């Protein structure tokens, strides 16, 4: 079942990254009432720790959200200020 596989995968990611919250977004989340319970169960089973009910957030959105996210990553890289690290005395 898709929801169980998704929960298992999320459990692995949570164990590796240890985020404060997990947000699932996209057009497929309109069916959240069909997958949420199975996904949560598999997620809790696969994690080392535990997450509360509010730590798994589902957001129904269209596919433009993916494009906005990709654009923000690119723009963030392009306009990142050039910071210099090190001892200020060695810079001219």
PDB file of N, CA and C in Angstrom:
ATOM      1  N   UNK A   1       0.845  -1.182   0.000  1.00  0.00           N
ATOM      2  CA  UNK A   1       0.000   0.000   0.000  1.00  0.00           C
ATOM      3  C   UNK A   1       0.890   1.246   0.000  1.00  0.00           C
ATOM      4  N   UNK A   2       0.504   2.222  -0.796  1.00  0.00           N
ATOM      5  CA  UNK A   2       1.283   3.449  -0.962  1.00  0.00           C
ATOM      6  C   UNK A   2       1.504   4.176   0.359  1.00  0.00           C
ATOM      7  N   UNK A   3       0.471   4.304   1.168  1.00  0.00           N
ATOM      8  CA  UNK A   3       0.579   5.069   2.421  1.00  0.00           C
ATOM      9  C   UNK A   3       1.572   4.431   3.381  1.00  0.00           C
ATOM     10  N   UNK A   4       1.596   3.107   3.445  1.00  0.00           N
ATOM     11  CA  UNK A   4       2.534   2.412   4.323  1.00  0.00           C
ATOM     12  C   UNK A   4       3.964   2.586   3.826  1.00  0.00           C
ATOM     13  N   UNK A   5       4.161   2.468   2.513  1.00  0.00           N
ATOM     14  CA  UNK A   5       5.498   2.663   1.953  1.00  0.00           C
ATOM     15  C   UNK A   5       5.974   4.093   2.174  1.00  0.00           C
ATOM     16  N   UNK A   6       5.071   5.058   2.017  1.00  0.00           N
ATOM     17  CA  UNK A   6       5.419   6.458   2.261  1.00  0.00           C
ATOM     18  C   UNK A   6       5.806   6.669   3.720  1.00  0.00           C
ATOM     19  N   UNK A   7       5.053   6.106   4.632  1.00  0.00           N
ATOM     20  CA  UNK A   7       5.366   6.226   6.061  1.00  0.00           C
ATOM     21  C   UNK A   7       6.692   5.586   6.411  1.00  0.00           C
ATOM     22  N   UNK A   8       6.969   4.417   5.825  1.00  0.00           N
ATOM     23  CA  UNK A   8       8.263   3.757   6.066  1.00  0.00           C
ATOM     24  C   UNK A   8       9.418   4.615   5.568  1.00  0.00           C
ATOM     25  N   UNK A   9       9.272   5.178   4.368  1.00  0.00           N
ATOM     26  CA  UNK A   9      10.320   6.043   3.811  1.00  0.00           C
ATOM     27  C   UNK A   9      10.506   7.288   4.666  1.00  0.00           C
ATOM     28  N   UNK A  10       9.410   7.878   5.112  1.00  0.00           N
ATOM     29  CA  UNK A  10       9.510   9.062   5.965  1.00  0.00           C
ATOM     30  C   UNK A  10      10.187   8.729   7.293  1.00  0.00           C
ATOM     31  N   UNK A  11       9.909   7.551   7.833  1.00  0.00           N
ATOM     32  CA  UNK A  11      10.568   7.130   9.070  1.00  0.00           C
ATOM     33  C   UNK A  11      12.068   7.059   8.909  1.00  0.00           C
ATOM     34  N   UNK A  12      12.534   6.558   7.783  1.00  0.00           N
ATOM     35  CA  UNK A  12      13.970   6.485   7.505  1.00  0.00           C
ATOM     36  C   UNK A  12      14.567   7.884   7.400  1.00  0.00           C
ATOM     37  N   UNK A  13      13.886   8.769   6.682  1.00  0.00           N
ATOM     38  CA  UNK A  13      14.384  10.138   6.532  1.00  0.00           C
ATOM     39  C   UNK A  13      14.422  10.848   7.880  1.00  0.00           C
ATOM     40  N   UNK A  14      13.389  10.666   8.691  1.00  0.00           N
ATOM     41  CA  UNK A  14      13.346  11.305  10.015  1.00  0.00           C
ATOM     42  C   UNK A  14      14.485  10.793  10.888  1.00  0.00           C
ATOM     43  N   UNK A  15      14.786   9.504  10.797  1.00  0.00           N
ATOM     44  CA  UNK A  15      15.899   8.958  11.579  1.00  0.00           C
ATOM     45  C   UNK A  15      17.234   9.541  11.146  1.00  0.00           C
ATOM     46  N   UNK A  16      17.387   9.826   9.860  1.00  0.00           N
ATOM     47  CA  UNK A  16      18.647  10.370   9.355  1.00  0.00           C
ATOM     48  C   UNK A  16      18.804  11.863   9.605  1.00  0.00           C
ATOM     49  N   UNK A  17      17.724  12.623   9.442  1.00  0.00           N
ATOM     50  CA  UNK A  17      17.800  14.081   9.456  1.00  0.00           C
ATOM     51  C   UNK A  17      17.323  14.685  10.777  1.00  0.00           C
ATOM     52  N   UNK A  18      16.434  14.008  11.484  1.00  0.00           N
ATOM     53  CA  UNK A  18      15.865  14.467  12.754  1.00  0.00           C
ATOM     54  C   UNK A  18      15.216  15.851  12.651  1.00  0.00           C
ATOM     55  N   UNK A  19      14.214  15.998  11.762  1.00  0.00           N
ATOM     56  CA  UNK A  19      13.555  17.304  11.623  1.00  0.00           C
ATOM     57  C   UNK A  19      12.560  17.545  12.753  1.00  0.00           C
ATOM     58  N   UNK A  20      12.204  18.803  12.958  1.00  0.00           N
ATOM     59  CA  UNK A  20      11.184  19.145  13.940  1.00  0.00           C
ATOM     60  C   UNK A  20       9.793  18.774  13.457  1.00  0.00           C
ATOM     61  N   UNK A  21       9.608  18.865  12.142  1.00  0.00           N
ATOM     62  CA  UNK A  21       8.297  18.540  11.578  1.00  0.00           C
ATOM     63  C   UNK A  21       8.456  18.080  10.154  1.00  0.00           C
ATOM     64  N   UNK A  22       7.497  17.301   9.681  1.00  0.00           N
ATOM     65  CA  UNK A  22       7.489  16.784   8.314  1.00  0.00           C
ATOM     66  C   UNK A  22       6.275  17.371   7.611  1.00  0.00           C
ATOM     67  N   UNK A  23       6.498  17.973   6.461  1.00  0.00           N
ATOM     68  CA  UNK A  23       5.413  18.569   5.682  1.00  0.00           C
ATOM     69  C   UNK A  23       5.305  17.818   4.364  1.00  0.00           C
ATOM     70  N   UNK A  24       4.142  17.254   4.116  1.00  0.00           N
ATOM     71  CA  UNK A  24       3.849  16.605   2.842  1.00  0.00           C
ATOM     72  C   UNK A  24       2.923  17.526   2.081  1.00  0.00           C
ATOM     73  N   UNK A  25       3.316  17.882   0.881  1.00  0.00           N
ATOM     74  CA  UNK A  25       2.518  18.828   0.100  1.00  0.00           C
ATOM     75  C   UNK A  25       2.380  18.331  -1.316  1.00  0.00           C
ATOM     76  N   UNK A  26       1.378  18.817  -1.973  1.00  0.00           N
ATOM     77  CA  UNK A  26       1.190  18.496  -3.372  1.00  0.00           C
ATOM     78  C   UNK A  26      -0.255  18.179  -3.686  1.00  0.00           C
ATOM     79  N   UNK A  27      -0.485  17.972  -4.935  1.00  0.00           N
ATOM     80  CA  UNK A  27      -1.831  17.719  -5.408  1.00  0.00           C
ATOM     81  C   UNK A  27      -2.389  16.408  -4.848  1.00  0.00           C
ATOM     82  N   UNK A  28      -1.542  15.430  -4.611  1.00  0.00           N
ATOM     83  CA  UNK A  28      -1.989  14.142  -4.089  1.00  0.00           C
ATOM     84  C   UNK A  28      -2.490  14.189  -2.664  1.00  0.00           C
ATOM     85  N   UNK A  29      -2.209  15.257  -1.961  1.00  0.00           N
ATOM     86  CA  UNK A  29      -2.649  15.348  -0.568  1.00  0.00           C
ATOM     87  C   UNK A  29      -4.150  15.614  -0.439  1.00  0.00           C
ATOM     88  N   UNK A  30      -4.823  15.794  -1.570  1.00  0.00           N
ATOM     89  CA  UNK A  30      -6.279  15.951  -1.478  1.00  0.00           C
ATOM     90  C   UNK A  30      -6.930  14.653  -1.014  1.00  0.00           C
ATOM     91  N   UNK A  31      -6.191  13.549  -1.094  1.00  0.00           N
ATOM     92  CA  UNK A  31      -6.694  12.256  -0.633  1.00  0.00           C
ATOM     93  C   UNK A  31      -6.141  11.904   0.748  1.00  0.00           C
ATOM     94  N   UNK A  32      -5.800  12.913   1.511  1.00  0.00           N
ATOM     95  CA  UNK A  32      -5.177  12.672   2.806  1.00  0.00           C
ATOM     96  C   UNK A  32      -6.031  11.834   3.733  1.00  0.00           C
ATOM     97  N   UNK A  33      -7.334  11.920   3.613  1.00  0.00           N
ATOM     98  CA  UNK A  33      -8.184  11.127   4.497  1.00  0.00           C
ATOM     99  C   UNK A  33      -8.043   9.633   4.233  1.00  0.00           C
ATOM    100  N   UNK A  34      -7.558   9.248   3.060  1.00  0.00           N
ATOM    101  CA  UNK A  34      -7.367   7.838   2.739  1.00  0.00           C
ATOM    102  C   UNK A  34      -6.001   7.322   3.184  1.00  0.00           C
ATOM    103  N   UNK A  35      -5.003   8.190   3.259  1.00  0.00           N
ATOM    104  CA  UNK A  35      -3.641   7.728   3.527  1.00  0.00           C
ATOM    105  C   UNK A  35      -3.086   8.133   4.883  1.00  0.00           C
ATOM    106  N   UNK A  36      -3.660   9.132   5.518  1.00  0.00           N
ATOM    107  CA  UNK A  36      -3.040   9.709   6.713  1.00  0.00           C
ATOM    108  C   UNK A  36      -2.844   8.693   7.838  1.00  0.00           C
ATOM    109  N   UNK A  37      -3.849   7.923   8.160  1.00  0.00           N
ATOM    110  CA  UNK A  37      -3.747   6.982   9.282  1.00  0.00           C
ATOM    111  C   UNK A  37      -2.668   5.927   9.023  1.00  0.00           C
ATOM    112  N   UNK A  38      -2.638   5.357   7.825  1.00  0.00           N
ATOM    113  CA  UNK A  38      -1.637   4.333   7.498  1.00  0.00           C
ATOM    114  C   UNK A  38      -0.236   4.927   7.453  1.00  0.00           C
ATOM    115  N   UNK A  39      -0.121   6.130   6.924  1.00  0.00           N
ATOM    116  CA  UNK A  39       1.172   6.799   6.844  1.00  0.00           C
ATOM    117  C   UNK A  39       1.712   7.093   8.239  1.00  0.00           C
ATOM    118  N   UNK A  40       0.862   7.603   9.114  1.00  0.00           N
ATOM    119  CA  UNK A  40       1.281   7.896  10.493  1.00  0.00           C
ATOM    120  C   UNK A  40       1.720   6.643  11.237  1.00  0.00           C
ATOM    121  N   UNK A  41       0.970   5.566  11.067  1.00  0.00           N
ATOM    122  CA  UNK A  41       1.299   4.310  11.740  1.00  0.00           C
ATOM    123  C   UNK A  41       2.661   3.793  11.297  1.00  0.00           C
ATOM    124  N   UNK A  42       2.896   3.791   9.986  1.00  0.00           N
ATOM    125  CA  UNK A  42       4.187   3.321   9.465  1.00  0.00           C
ATOM    126  C   UNK A  42       5.312   4.254   9.884  1.00  0.00           C
ATOM    127  N   UNK A  43       5.066   5.548   9.914  1.00  0.00           N
ATOM    128  CA  UNK A  43       6.070   6.522  10.332  1.00  0.00           C
ATOM    129  C   UNK A  43       6.461   6.292  11.782  1.00  0.00           C
ATOM    130  N   UNK A  44       5.489   6.140  12.658  1.00  0.00           N
ATOM    131  CA  UNK A  44       5.774   5.915  14.082  1.00  0.00           C
ATOM    132  C   UNK A  44       6.515   4.597  14.302  1.00  0.00           C
ATOM    133  N   UNK A  45       6.147   3.580  13.526  1.00  0.00           N
ATOM    134  CA  UNK A  45       6.782   2.268  13.656  1.00  0.00           C
ATOM    135  C   UNK A  45       8.245   2.312  13.221  1.00  0.00           C
ATOM    136  N   UNK A  46       8.565   3.125  12.207  1.00  0.00           N
ATOM    137  CA  UNK A  46       9.910   3.144  11.651  1.00  0.00           C
ATOM    138  C   UNK A  46      10.867   4.124  12.292  1.00  0.00           C
ATOM    139  N   UNK A  47      10.374   4.997  13.151  1.00  0.00           N
ATOM    140  CA  UNK A  47      11.236   6.022  13.761  1.00  0.00           C
ATOM    141  C   UNK A  47      11.858   5.530  15.053  1.00  0.00           C
ATOM    142  N   UNK A  48      13.032   6.088  15.368  1.00  0.00           N
ATOM    143  CA  UNK A  48      13.673   5.792  16.642  1.00  0.00           C
ATOM    144  C   UNK A  48      12.969   6.515  17.781  1.00  0.00           C
ATOM    145  N   UNK A  49      12.579   7.764  17.552  1.00  0.00           N
ATOM    146  CA  UNK A  49      11.888   8.564  18.561  1.00  0.00           C
ATOM    147  C   UNK A  49      10.402   8.568  18.292  1.00  0.00           C
ATOM    148  N   UNK A  50       9.757   9.664  18.656  1.00  0.00           N
ATOM    149  CA  UNK A  50       8.326   9.773  18.371  1.00  0.00           C
ATOM    150  C   UNK A  50       8.010  11.198  17.944  1.00  0.00           C
ATOM    151  N   UNK A  51       6.984  11.309  17.145  1.00  0.00           N
ATOM    152  CA  UNK A  51       6.498  12.613  16.699  1.00  0.00           C
ATOM    153  C   UNK A  51       5.065  12.751  17.168  1.00  0.00           C
ATOM    154  N   UNK A  52       4.686  13.966  17.515  1.00  0.00           N
ATOM    155  CA  UNK A  52       3.297  14.188  17.906  1.00  0.00           C
ATOM    156  C   UNK A  52       2.427  14.296  16.660  1.00  0.00           C
ATOM    157  N   UNK A  53       1.131  14.333  16.867  1.00  0.00           N
ATOM    158  CA  UNK A  53       0.184  14.439  15.755  1.00  0.00           C
ATOM    159  C   UNK A  53       0.443  15.687  14.913  1.00  0.00           C
ATOM    160  N   UNK A  54       0.833  16.769  15.540  1.00  0.00           N
ATOM    161  CA  UNK A  54       1.011  18.033  14.819  1.00  0.00           C
ATOM    162  C   UNK A  54       2.338  18.111  14.076  1.00  0.00           C
ATOM    163  N   UNK A  55       3.209  17.120  14.245  1.00  0.00           N
ATOM    164  CA  UNK A  55       4.512  17.150  13.590  1.00  0.00           C
ATOM    165  C   UNK A  55       4.480  16.617  12.157  1.00  0.00           C
ATOM    166  N   UNK A  56       3.381  16.001  11.763  1.00  0.00           N
ATOM    167  CA  UNK A  56       3.198  15.560  10.380  1.00  0.00           C
ATOM    168  C   UNK A  56       2.107  16.428   9.785  1.00  0.00           C
ATOM    169  N   UNK A  57       2.495  17.299   8.861  1.00  0.00           N
ATOM    170  CA  UNK A  57       1.569  18.277   8.300  1.00  0.00           C
ATOM    171  C   UNK A  57       1.329  17.950   6.840  1.00  0.00           C
ATOM    172  N   UNK A  58       0.083  17.919   6.455  1.00  0.00           N
ATOM    173  CA  UNK A  58      -0.287  17.693   5.064  1.00  0.00           C
ATOM    174  C   UNK A  58      -0.848  18.986   4.503  1.00  0.00           C
ATOM    175  N   UNK A  59      -0.333  19.396   3.351  1.00  0.00           N
ATOM    176  CA  UNK A  59      -0.765  20.639   2.716  1.00  0.00           C
ATOM    177  C   UNK A  59      -1.197  20.308   1.296  1.00  0.00           C
ATOM    178  N   UNK A  60      -2.467  20.571   1.001  1.00  0.00           N
ATOM    179  CA  UNK A  60      -2.938  20.352  -0.359  1.00  0.00           C
ATOM    180  C   UNK A  60      -2.588  21.574  -1.184  1.00  0.00           C
ATOM    181  N   UNK A  61      -1.838  21.354  -2.253  1.00  0.00           N
ATOM    182  CA  UNK A  61      -1.451  22.450  -3.129  1.00  0.00           C
ATOM    183  C   UNK A  61      -1.358  21.922  -4.554  1.00  0.00           C
ATOM    184  N   UNK A  62      -1.286  22.825  -5.479  1.00  0.00           N
ATOM    185  CA  UNK A  62      -1.150  22.404  -6.866  1.00  0.00           C
ATOM    186  C   UNK A  62       0.329  22.251  -7.216  1.00  0.00           C
ATOM    187  N   UNK A  63       0.604  21.894  -8.433  1.00  0.00           N
ATOM    188  CA  UNK A  63       1.989  21.641  -8.835  1.00  0.00           C
ATOM    189  C   UNK A  63       2.839  22.900  -8.946  1.00  0.00           C
ATOM    190  N   UNK A  64       2.245  24.080  -8.872  1.00  0.00           N
ATOM    191  CA  UNK A  64       3.054  25.293  -8.930  1.00  0.00           C
ATOM    192  C   UNK A  64       3.896  25.469  -7.671  1.00  0.00           C
ATOM    193  N   UNK A  65       3.507  24.824  -6.581  1.00  0.00           N
ATOM    194  CA  UNK A  65       4.300  24.913  -5.356  1.00  0.00           C
ATOM    195  C   UNK A  65       5.701  24.336  -5.576  1.00  0.00           C
ATOM    196  N   UNK A  66       5.813  23.273  -6.354  1.00  0.00           N
ATOM    197  CA  UNK A  66       7.121  22.691  -6.647  1.00  0.00           C
ATOM    198  C   UNK A  66       7.974  23.685  -7.427  1.00  0.00           C
ATOM    199  N   UNK A  67       7.373  24.354  -8.394  1.00  0.00           N
ATOM    200  CA  UNK A  67       8.116  25.326  -9.195  1.00  0.00           C
ATOM    201  C   UNK A  67       8.579  26.495  -8.338  1.00  0.00           C
ATOM    202  N   UNK A  68       7.724  26.961  -7.436  1.00  0.00           N
ATOM    203  CA  UNK A  68       8.116  28.051  -6.539  1.00  0.00           C
ATOM    204  C   UNK A  68       9.270  27.633  -5.640  1.00  0.00           C
ATOM    205  N   UNK A  69       9.228  26.416  -5.125  1.00  0.00           N
ATOM    206  CA  UNK A  69      10.304  25.925  -4.268  1.00  0.00           C
ATOM    207  C   UNK A  69      11.625  25.831  -5.008  1.00  0.00           C
ATOM    208  N   UNK A  70      11.586  25.313  -6.226  1.00  0.00           N
ATOM    209  CA  UNK A  70      12.808  25.210  -7.029  1.00  0.00           C
ATOM    210  C   UNK A  70      13.356  26.597  -7.355  1.00  0.00           C
ATOM    211  N   UNK A  71      12.475  27.517  -7.709  1.00  0.00           N
ATOM    212  CA  UNK A  71      12.914  28.879  -8.025  1.00  0.00           C
ATOM    213  C   UNK A  71      13.530  29.554  -6.798  1.00  0.00           C
ATOM    214  N   UNK A  72      12.967  29.322  -5.622  1.00  0.00           N
ATOM    215  CA  UNK A  72      13.515  29.958  -4.422  1.00  0.00           C
ATOM    216  C   UNK A  72      14.902  29.415  -4.087  1.00  0.00           C
ATOM    217  N   UNK A  73      15.137  28.129  -4.343  1.00  0.00           N
ATOM    218  CA  UNK A  73      16.473  27.574  -4.118  1.00  0.00           C
ATOM    219  C   UNK A  73      17.500  28.201  -5.055  1.00  0.00           C
ATOM    220  N   UNK A  74      17.123  28.363  -6.308  1.00  0.00           N
ATOM    221  CA  UNK A  74      18.036  28.961  -7.280  1.00  0.00           C
ATOM    222  C   UNK A  74      18.312  30.425  -6.940  1.00  0.00           C
ATOM    223  N   UNK A  75      17.250  31.164  -6.643  1.00  0.00           N
ATOM    224  CA  UNK A  75      17.427  32.584  -6.312  1.00  0.00           C
ATOM    225  C   UNK A  75      18.223  32.764  -5.032  1.00  0.00           C
ATOM    226  N   UNK A  76      18.011  31.883  -4.059  1.00  0.00           N
ATOM    227  CA  UNK A  76      18.784  31.955  -2.820  1.00  0.00           C
ATOM    228  C   UNK A  76      20.262  31.745  -3.057  1.00  0.00           C
ATOM    229  N   UNK A  77      20.605  30.881  -3.994  1.00  0.00           N
ATOM    230  CA  UNK A  77      22.005  30.633  -4.328  1.00  0.00           C
ATOM    231  C   UNK A  77      22.607  31.798  -5.116  1.00  0.00           C
ATOM    232  N   UNK A  78      21.837  32.326  -6.047  1.00  0.00           N
ATOM    233  CA  UNK A  78      22.337  33.432  -6.862  1.00  0.00           C
ATOM    234  C   UNK A  78      22.600  34.695  -6.059  1.00  0.00           C
ATOM    235  N   UNK A  79      21.741  34.985  -5.112  1.00  0.00           N
ATOM    236  CA  UNK A  79      21.834  36.244  -4.384  1.00  0.00           C
ATOM    237  C   UNK A  79      22.376  36.087  -2.965  1.00  0.00           C
ATOM    238  N   UNK A  80      23.081  35.002  -2.713  1.00  0.00           N
ATOM    239  CA  UNK A  80      23.699  34.792  -1.409  1.00  0.00           C
ATOM    240  C   UNK A  80      24.874  35.754  -1.268  1.00  0.00           C
ATOM    241  N   UNK A  81      24.963  36.470  -0.163  1.00  0.00           N
ATOM    242  CA  UNK A  81      26.086  37.400  -0.003  1.00  0.00           C
ATOM    243  C   UNK A  81      27.398  36.627   0.150  1.00  0.00           C
ATOM    244  N   UNK A  82      28.443  37.196  -0.374  1.00  0.00           N
ATOM    245  CA  UNK A  82      29.762  36.585  -0.260  1.00  0.00           C
ATOM    246  C   UNK A  82      30.357  36.994   1.079  1.00  0.00           C
ATOM    247  N   UNK A  83      30.420  36.080   1.987  1.00  0.00           N
ATOM    248  CA  UNK A  83      30.960  36.340   3.318  1.00  0.00           C
ATOM    249  C   UNK A  83      32.369  35.775   3.400  1.00  0.00           C
ATOM    250  N   UNK A  84      33.231  36.507   4.058  1.00  0.00           N
ATOM    251  CA  UNK A  84      34.604  36.062   4.222  1.00  0.00           C
ATOM    252  C   UNK A  84      34.786  35.590   5.646  1.00  0.00           C
ATOM    253  N   UNK A  85      35.374  34.440   5.785  1.00  0.00           N
ATOM    254  CA  UNK A  85      35.654  33.889   7.114  1.00  0.00           C
ATOM    255  C   UNK A  85      37.150  33.950   7.361  1.00  0.00           C
ATOM    256  N   UNK A  86      37.507  34.045   8.580  1.00  0.00           N
ATOM    257  CA  UNK A  86      38.935  34.042   8.925  1.00  0.00           C
ATOM    258  C   UNK A  86      39.275  35.280   9.728  1.00  0.00           C
ATOM    259  N   UNK A  87      40.530  35.451   9.915  1.00  0.00           N
ATOM    260  CA  UNK A  87      41.047  36.541  10.720  1.00  0.00           C
ATOM    261  C   UNK A  87      40.974  37.844   9.929  1.00  0.00           C
ATOM    262  N   UNK A  88      40.365  38.854  10.510  1.00  0.00           N
ATOM    263  CA  UNK A  88      40.207  40.152   9.850  1.00  0.00           C
ATOM    264  C   UNK A  88      41.567  40.828   9.614  1.00  0.00           C
ATOM    265  N   UNK A  89      42.569  40.491  10.398  1.00  0.00           N
ATOM    266  CA  UNK A  89      43.886  41.124  10.243  1.00  0.00           C
ATOM    267  C   UNK A  89      44.595  40.663   8.989  1.00  0.00           C
ATOM    268  N   UNK A  90      44.242  39.493   8.441  1.00  0.00           N
ATOM    269  CA  UNK A  90      44.926  38.998   7.257  1.00  0.00           C
ATOM    270  C   UNK A  90      44.330  39.531   5.973  1.00  0.00           C
ATOM    271  N   UNK A  91      43.183  40.188   6.062  1.00  0.00           N
ATOM    272  CA  UNK A  91      42.560  40.756   4.857  1.00  0.00           C
ATOM    273  C   UNK A  91      43.060  42.166   4.637  1.00  0.00           C
ATOM    274  N   UNK A  92      43.230  42.542   3.392  1.00  0.00           N
ATOM    275  CA  UNK A  92      43.692  43.904   3.072  1.00  0.00           C
ATOM    276  C   UNK A  92      42.526  44.856   2.972  1.00  0.00           C
TER     277      UNK A  92
END
